[in-house]
């Protein structure tokens, strides 16, 4: 069964959520702080994280960035207030869902199921596109039309992020967070510049196609076929 990581500093809320998740057959572990969650995520892999935005040590958004440095982990945020700014920020950094306290544990479990089901469907999508791209995440290597791509660190991260969700539009903010999370002085133009150089390397292999799509005002997507 899918393994869920719950990070919330309110034991009473966590207890009800853990009970609801386990009653539905999920494996679930609870951490009180962001630091504890990072250590737990190093110990074993999780299929989804439920993160409280207002943690005492590491904020939920910062914790999301850290957890996603190693893998594209689906995340549902919990917040004690219905602040529009928090919702927008959470969605911009790639939140899969957002739940405001107080909430029904059963509703949260239902949302967990929806996010996991959506993730499985997206994970199956690249299989049909293997003739165009082959991605070796462990070796951090990507082939295009059978040819290895000579990519810089950030070019690789950018293409890998697009390959994780072929066809989906990722905003510049989402790409910045996933690829340049540790480069605080980078701006949106950084994404555009690297898209340009990445397109050039793809055209060197196949000059007739441009698999990276620009969506003005929205971001970029990848046609992996």
Protein backbone atom coordinates (compact mmCIF):
# COMPACT_ATOMS: atom_id res chain seq x y z
CA UNK A 1 0.00 0.00 0.00
CA UNK A 2 1.12 3.61 -0.55
CA UNK A 3 3.21 5.10 2.26
CA UNK A 4 2.15 8.54 3.53
CA UNK A 5 4.30 11.00 5.51
CA UNK A 6 2.28 13.32 7.76
CA UNK A 7 4.06 16.36 9.20
CA UNK A 8 2.00 18.35 11.72
CA UNK A 9 2.93 19.83 15.10
CA UNK A 10 -0.55 19.31 16.57
CA UNK A 11 -0.63 15.75 18.01
CA UNK A 12 -4.43 15.65 18.37
CA UNK A 13 -5.00 16.47 14.69
CA UNK A 14 -2.23 14.11 13.61
CA UNK A 15 -3.75 11.25 15.62
CA UNK A 16 -7.12 11.54 13.87
CA UNK A 17 -5.48 11.77 10.43
CA UNK A 18 -3.23 8.78 11.10
CA UNK A 19 -6.22 6.74 12.26
CA UNK A 20 -8.20 7.63 9.11
CA UNK A 21 -5.29 6.84 6.78
CA UNK A 22 -4.47 3.53 8.43
CA UNK A 23 -8.14 2.55 8.55
CA UNK A 24 -8.18 2.88 4.75
CA UNK A 25 -5.14 0.63 4.42
CA UNK A 26 -2.39 3.23 3.98
CA UNK A 27 0.96 2.99 5.72
CA UNK A 28 1.37 6.31 7.52
CA UNK A 29 4.05 7.88 9.71
CA UNK A 30 3.87 11.12 11.67
CA UNK A 31 6.57 13.72 12.32
CA UNK A 32 6.16 16.76 14.58
CA UNK A 33 8.80 18.94 12.91
CA UNK A 34 10.32 19.54 9.51
CA UNK A 35 13.74 18.39 10.67
CA UNK A 36 12.32 15.10 11.84
CA UNK A 37 10.51 14.71 8.51
CA UNK A 38 13.72 15.22 6.52
CA UNK A 39 15.45 12.51 8.54
CA UNK A 40 12.49 10.18 8.09
CA UNK A 41 12.43 10.79 4.32
CA UNK A 42 16.11 9.84 4.18
CA UNK A 43 15.36 6.61 6.03
CA UNK A 44 12.65 5.40 3.64
CA UNK A 45 10.76 6.52 0.55
CA UNK A 46 7.21 7.88 0.71
CA UNK A 47 4.53 8.07 -1.97
CA UNK A 48 2.93 11.30 -0.71
CA UNK A 49 3.48 13.91 2.01
CA UNK A 50 0.84 15.84 3.95
CA UNK A 51 2.56 18.98 5.27
CA UNK A 52 1.34 21.58 7.74
CA UNK A 53 2.30 25.04 6.48
CA UNK A 54 2.97 26.43 9.98
CA UNK A 55 5.61 24.10 11.39
CA UNK A 56 7.73 25.34 14.33
CA UNK A 57 11.15 24.87 12.72
CA UNK A 58 10.91 24.65 8.92
CA UNK A 59 7.90 26.15 7.17
CA UNK A 60 5.81 23.75 5.12
CA UNK A 61 6.75 25.40 1.81
CA UNK A 62 10.49 25.24 2.57
CA UNK A 63 10.10 21.64 3.72
CA UNK A 64 8.37 20.80 0.43
CA UNK A 65 11.38 22.15 -1.48
CA UNK A 66 13.80 20.08 0.59
CA UNK A 67 11.78 16.86 0.25
CA UNK A 68 11.57 17.32 -3.51
CA UNK A 69 15.30 17.75 -4.06
CA UNK A 70 15.68 13.98 -4.43
CA UNK A 71 12.37 13.00 -6.02
CA UNK A 72 9.09 14.44 -7.32
CA UNK A 73 7.02 13.79 -4.19
CA UNK A 74 3.27 14.60 -4.34
CA UNK A 75 2.33 17.06 -1.57
CA UNK A 76 -0.90 18.14 0.12
CA UNK A 77 -0.61 21.25 2.32
CA UNK A 78 -2.54 21.83 5.54
CA UNK A 79 -3.08 25.35 6.88
CA UNK A 80 -4.82 26.83 9.91
CA UNK A 81 -6.22 29.75 7.94
CA UNK A 82 -7.88 30.26 4.59
CA UNK A 83 -5.38 32.81 3.28
CA UNK A 84 -5.51 33.27 -0.50
CA UNK A 85 -1.82 34.27 -0.63
CA UNK A 86 -0.81 31.00 1.03
CA UNK A 87 -2.96 28.97 -1.35
CA UNK A 88 -1.50 30.71 -4.39
CA UNK A 89 2.07 30.29 -3.12
CA UNK A 90 1.46 26.63 -2.35
CA UNK A 91 0.06 25.97 -5.80
CA UNK A 92 2.86 27.92 -7.49
CA UNK A 93 5.52 25.74 -5.90
CA UNK A 94 3.70 22.68 -7.13
CA UNK A 95 1.24 21.66 -4.41
CA UNK A 96 -1.05 18.85 -5.53
CA UNK A 97 -3.81 19.96 -3.15
CA UNK A 98 -4.51 22.37 -0.30
CA UNK A 99 -6.71 21.70 2.76
CA UNK A 100 -7.78 24.30 5.32
CA UNK A 101 -8.17 23.44 9.02
CA UNK A 102 -10.52 22.39 10.48
CA UNK A 103 -11.13 19.57 8.01
CA UNK A 104 -12.67 16.14 7.90
CA UNK A 105 -10.06 13.36 8.09
CA UNK A 106 -12.20 11.32 5.72
CA UNK A 107 -12.15 14.17 3.18
CA UNK A 108 -8.36 14.37 3.49
CA UNK A 109 -8.07 10.63 2.86
CA UNK A 110 -10.26 11.02 -0.24
CA UNK A 111 -7.97 13.79 -1.50
CA UNK A 112 -4.92 11.61 -0.87
CA UNK A 113 -6.47 8.90 -3.03
CA UNK A 114 -7.19 11.39 -5.85
CA UNK A 115 -3.63 12.77 -5.84
CA UNK A 116 -2.10 9.28 -5.83
CA UNK A 117 -4.39 8.16 -8.65
CA UNK A 118 -3.47 11.24 -10.68
CA UNK A 119 0.22 10.57 -10.06
CA UNK A 120 -0.07 6.98 -11.28
CA UNK A 121 -1.72 8.16 -14.51
CA UNK A 122 1.05 10.71 -15.10
CA UNK A 123 3.76 8.16 -14.37
CA UNK A 124 2.39 5.88 -17.10
CA UNK A 125 2.41 8.65 -19.71
CA UNK A 126 6.17 8.68 -20.51
CA UNK A 127 6.14 4.98 -21.42
CA UNK A 128 4.42 5.80 -24.71
CA UNK A 129 7.06 8.41 -25.45
CA UNK A 130 10.21 6.34 -25.03
CA UNK A 131 10.97 6.59 -28.75
CA UNK A 132 11.72 10.29 -28.22
CA UNK A 133 13.23 10.47 -24.72
CA UNK A 134 14.87 7.93 -22.44
CA UNK A 135 15.54 9.14 -18.91
CA UNK A 136 17.91 7.45 -16.47
CA UNK A 137 17.20 9.31 -13.18
CA UNK A 138 19.81 7.43 -11.17
CA UNK A 139 22.56 8.16 -13.67
CA UNK A 140 21.13 11.63 -14.41
CA UNK A 141 21.29 10.93 -18.14
CA UNK A 142 18.75 11.66 -20.86
CA UNK A 143 18.73 10.41 -24.46
CA UNK A 144 16.77 12.07 -27.24
CA UNK A 145 15.98 10.12 -30.42
CA UNK A 146 18.49 7.55 -29.20
CA UNK A 147 21.30 10.10 -28.85
CA UNK A 148 22.79 11.09 -25.45
CA UNK A 149 22.35 14.74 -24.52
CA UNK A 150 25.34 16.66 -23.17
CA UNK A 151 23.53 18.72 -20.53
CA UNK A 152 24.63 21.08 -17.80
CA UNK A 153 23.32 20.55 -14.28
CA UNK A 154 20.44 22.98 -14.73
CA UNK A 155 19.62 21.91 -18.29
CA UNK A 156 19.31 18.35 -17.01
CA UNK A 157 17.12 19.43 -14.08
CA UNK A 158 14.88 21.47 -16.36
CA UNK A 159 14.36 18.67 -18.90
CA UNK A 160 13.90 16.09 -16.13
CA UNK A 161 11.20 18.25 -14.52
CA UNK A 162 9.34 18.57 -17.83
CA UNK A 163 9.70 14.83 -18.50
CA UNK A 164 8.11 14.00 -15.16
CA UNK A 165 4.83 15.51 -16.40
CA UNK A 166 4.76 15.35 -20.22
CA UNK A 167 2.11 17.63 -21.69
CA UNK A 168 1.50 19.48 -18.41
CA UNK A 169 2.23 23.21 -18.32
CA UNK A 170 4.77 24.05 -15.61
CA UNK A 171 5.05 27.70 -14.63
CA UNK A 172 8.39 29.47 -14.36
CA UNK A 173 7.88 29.55 -10.57
CA UNK A 174 7.40 25.76 -10.48
CA UNK A 175 10.48 25.18 -12.62
CA UNK A 176 12.54 27.64 -10.55
CA UNK A 177 11.55 25.84 -7.37
CA UNK A 178 12.28 22.36 -8.72
CA UNK A 179 15.53 23.14 -10.53
CA UNK A 180 17.01 26.28 -8.97
CA UNK A 181 15.72 25.93 -5.41
CA UNK A 182 19.23 26.40 -4.02
CA UNK A 183 20.10 29.39 -6.22
CA UNK A 184 18.40 32.26 -4.41
CA UNK A 185 19.69 34.96 -6.79
CA UNK A 186 18.20 33.37 -9.91
CA UNK A 187 15.20 34.94 -11.64
CA UNK A 188 12.54 34.00 -14.18
CA UNK A 189 14.86 34.93 -17.07
CA UNK A 190 17.11 32.09 -15.96
CA UNK A 191 14.41 29.60 -16.98
CA UNK A 192 13.97 31.26 -20.38
CA UNK A 193 17.73 31.28 -21.02
CA UNK A 194 18.11 27.60 -20.21
CA UNK A 195 15.05 26.69 -22.30
CA UNK A 196 16.77 28.40 -25.24
CA UNK A 197 20.03 26.48 -24.82
CA UNK A 198 18.15 23.23 -24.23
CA UNK A 199 16.16 23.72 -27.43
CA UNK A 200 19.42 24.27 -29.29
CA UNK A 201 20.81 20.94 -28.10
CA UNK A 202 17.61 19.13 -29.04
CA UNK A 203 17.68 20.68 -32.52
CA UNK A 204 21.24 19.46 -33.01
CA UNK A 205 19.79 15.93 -32.89
CA UNK A 206 16.48 16.60 -34.67
CA UNK A 207 16.29 19.96 -36.42
CA UNK A 208 12.75 19.36 -37.65
CA UNK A 209 11.04 19.20 -34.25
CA UNK A 210 10.72 21.38 -31.16
CA UNK A 211 9.28 19.28 -28.32
CA UNK A 212 9.33 22.15 -25.80
CA UNK A 213 6.16 24.22 -26.02
CA UNK A 214 5.94 27.84 -24.82
CA UNK A 215 2.64 28.89 -23.24
CA UNK A 216 2.71 32.68 -23.03
CA UNK A 217 1.93 33.96 -19.58
CA UNK A 218 1.79 30.40 -18.21
CA UNK A 219 5.06 28.53 -18.66
CA UNK A 220 6.40 25.55 -20.61
CA UNK A 221 5.36 22.01 -21.44
CA UNK A 222 7.03 19.06 -23.16
CA UNK A 223 5.69 17.05 -26.08
CA UNK A 224 7.57 13.81 -25.43
CA UNK A 225 6.25 11.90 -28.46
